[in-house]
Amino acid sequence: MVTITCRIPEKLDAALGAQARHRRVPKAVVMREALARQVRRGAAPRAPTAFELARSLCGAVRGPKDLSSNPKHLEDLGA
């Protein structure tokens, strides 16, 4: 068996200790099981980007194509 060392927050250590005491097993057993579950599940899916969420809206608004660059459309904006 290989030994791995890592730092964990105190709250996580307390929760780990509580679970280990409740189950009457060493913390290492709880950690190995949790790590094995996470690895079996695979990498967590990433959150979608803003573009992916709004993809269906792209091109849905009718208006001038130069809205953000033509100074005549920007006259009433700003100070």
C-alpha atoms as a PDB file:
ATOM      1  CA  MET A   1       0.000   0.000   0.000  1.00  0.00           C
ATOM      2  CA  VAL A   2       1.227   3.524  -0.809  1.00  0.00           C
ATOM      3  CA  THR A   3       1.218   6.373   1.695  1.00  0.00           C
ATOM      4  CA  ILE A   4      -0.096   9.775   0.593  1.00  0.00           C
ATOM      5  CA  THR A   5       0.113  12.897   2.722  1.00  0.00           C
ATOM      6  CA  CYS A   6      -2.222  15.852   2.258  1.00  0.00           C
ATOM      7  CA  ARG A   7      -3.399  18.819   4.291  1.00  0.00           C
ATOM      8  CA  ILE A   8      -7.096  19.195   5.004  1.00  0.00           C
ATOM      9  CA  PRO A   9      -9.069  21.935   6.778  1.00  0.00           C
ATOM     10  CA  GLU A  10      -9.750  21.457  10.479  1.00  0.00           C
ATOM     11  CA  LYS A  11     -13.523  21.235   9.914  1.00  0.00           C
ATOM     12  CA  LEU A  12     -13.042  18.413   7.419  1.00  0.00           C
ATOM     13  CA  ASP A  13     -10.733  16.620   9.851  1.00  0.00           C
ATOM     14  CA  ALA A  14     -13.354  16.952  12.589  1.00  0.00           C
ATOM     15  CA  ALA A  15     -16.077  15.550  10.319  1.00  0.00           C
ATOM     16  CA  LEU A  16     -13.758  12.746   9.249  1.00  0.00           C
ATOM     17  CA  GLY A  17     -12.964  11.925  12.868  1.00  0.00           C
ATOM     18  CA  ALA A  18     -16.640  11.952  13.831  1.00  0.00           C
ATOM     19  CA  GLN A  19     -17.534   9.562  11.029  1.00  0.00           C
ATOM     20  CA  ALA A  20     -14.641   7.280  11.893  1.00  0.00           C
ATOM     21  CA  ARG A  21     -15.661   7.185  15.566  1.00  0.00           C
ATOM     22  CA  HIS A  22     -19.283   6.550  14.643  1.00  0.00           C
ATOM     23  CA  ARG A  23     -18.305   3.629  12.412  1.00  0.00           C
ATOM     24  CA  ARG A  24     -15.533   2.523  14.804  1.00  0.00           C
ATOM     25  CA  VAL A  25     -12.910   2.438  12.078  1.00  0.00           C
ATOM     26  CA  PRO A  26      -9.697   4.417  11.550  1.00  0.00           C
ATOM     27  CA  LYS A  27      -9.888   7.718   9.650  1.00  0.00           C
ATOM     28  CA  ALA A  28      -7.787   6.136   6.906  1.00  0.00           C
ATOM     29  CA  VAL A  29     -10.578   3.660   6.132  1.00  0.00           C
ATOM     30  CA  VAL A  30     -13.142   6.456   5.755  1.00  0.00           C
ATOM     31  CA  MET A  31     -10.723   8.431   3.576  1.00  0.00           C
ATOM     32  CA  ARG A  32      -9.911   5.448   1.321  1.00  0.00           C
ATOM     33  CA  GLU A  33     -13.596   4.678   0.809  1.00  0.00           C
ATOM     34  CA  ALA A  34     -14.458   8.300   0.008  1.00  0.00           C
ATOM     35  CA  LEU A  35     -11.546   8.588  -2.398  1.00  0.00           C
ATOM     36  CA  ALA A  36     -12.471   5.308  -4.106  1.00  0.00           C
ATOM     37  CA  ARG A  37     -16.098   6.490  -4.539  1.00  0.00           C
ATOM     38  CA  GLN A  38     -14.942   9.759  -6.063  1.00  0.00           C
ATOM     39  CA  VAL A  39     -12.560   8.039  -8.471  1.00  0.00           C
ATOM     40  CA  ARG A  40     -15.247   5.536  -9.542  1.00  0.00           C
ATOM     41  CA  ARG A  41     -17.627   8.407 -10.289  1.00  0.00           C
ATOM     42  CA  GLY A  42     -15.001  10.042 -12.463  1.00  0.00           C
ATOM     43  CA  ALA A  43     -14.271  13.694 -12.806  1.00  0.00           C
ATOM     44  CA  ALA A  44     -17.136  15.968 -11.878  1.00  0.00           C
ATOM     45  CA  PRO A  45     -18.784  17.538 -14.902  1.00  0.00           C
ATOM     46  CA  ARG A  46     -17.728  21.126 -15.413  1.00  0.00           C
ATOM     47  CA  ALA A  47     -20.230  23.936 -15.196  1.00  0.00           C
ATOM     48  CA  PRO A  48     -21.450  25.222 -18.560  1.00  0.00           C
ATOM     49  CA  THR A  49     -19.995  28.495 -19.803  1.00  0.00           C
ATOM     50  CA  ALA A  50     -22.126  31.610 -20.219  1.00  0.00           C
ATOM     51  CA  PHE A  51     -21.962  31.145 -23.988  1.00  0.00           C
ATOM     52  CA  GLU A  52     -23.181  27.545 -23.731  1.00  0.00           C
ATOM     53  CA  LEU A  53     -26.130  28.678 -21.618  1.00  0.00           C
ATOM     54  CA  ALA A  54     -27.046  31.510 -23.995  1.00  0.00           C
ATOM     55  CA  ARG A  55     -26.160  29.813 -27.297  1.00  0.00           C
ATOM     56  CA  SER A  56     -29.801  29.594 -28.395  1.00  0.00           C
ATOM     57  CA  LEU A  57     -30.178  33.354 -27.897  1.00  0.00           C
ATOM     58  CA  CYS A  58     -27.276  34.305 -30.174  1.00  0.00           C
ATOM     59  CA  GLY A  59     -28.643  36.049 -33.228  1.00  0.00           C
ATOM     60  CA  ALA A  60     -32.183  36.101 -31.819  1.00  0.00           C
ATOM     61  CA  VAL A  61     -32.316  39.887 -31.369  1.00  0.00           C
ATOM     62  CA  ARG A  62     -33.102  42.016 -34.395  1.00  0.00           C
ATOM     63  CA  GLY A  63     -31.361  45.355 -34.659  1.00  0.00           C
ATOM     64  CA  PRO A  64     -28.426  47.116 -36.235  1.00  0.00           C
ATOM     65  CA  LYS A  65     -25.321  44.965 -36.654  1.00  0.00           C
ATOM     66  CA  ASP A  66     -23.032  47.831 -35.591  1.00  0.00           C
ATOM     67  CA  LEU A  67     -24.898  48.591 -32.338  1.00  0.00           C
ATOM     68  CA  SER A  68     -21.808  48.489 -30.128  1.00  0.00           C
ATOM     69  CA  SER A  69     -19.400  50.248 -32.476  1.00  0.00           C
ATOM     70  CA  ASN A  70     -21.272  52.966 -34.360  1.00  0.00           C
ATOM     71  CA  PRO A  71     -21.099  56.296 -32.479  1.00  0.00           C
ATOM     72  CA  LYS A  72     -24.611  57.315 -33.585  1.00  0.00           C
ATOM     73  CA  HIS A  73     -26.047  54.406 -31.521  1.00  0.00           C
ATOM     74  CA  LEU A  74     -23.978  55.432 -28.483  1.00  0.00           C
ATOM     75  CA  GLU A  75     -24.967  59.129 -28.293  1.00  0.00           C
ATOM     76  CA  ASP A  76     -27.413  58.789 -25.374  1.00  0.00           C
ATOM     77  CA  LEU A  77     -25.139  56.537 -23.299  1.00  0.00           C
ATOM     78  CA  GLY A  78     -22.619  57.650 -20.714  1.00  0.00           C
ATOM     79  CA  ALA A  79     -22.149  60.972 -19.018  1.00  0.00           C
END
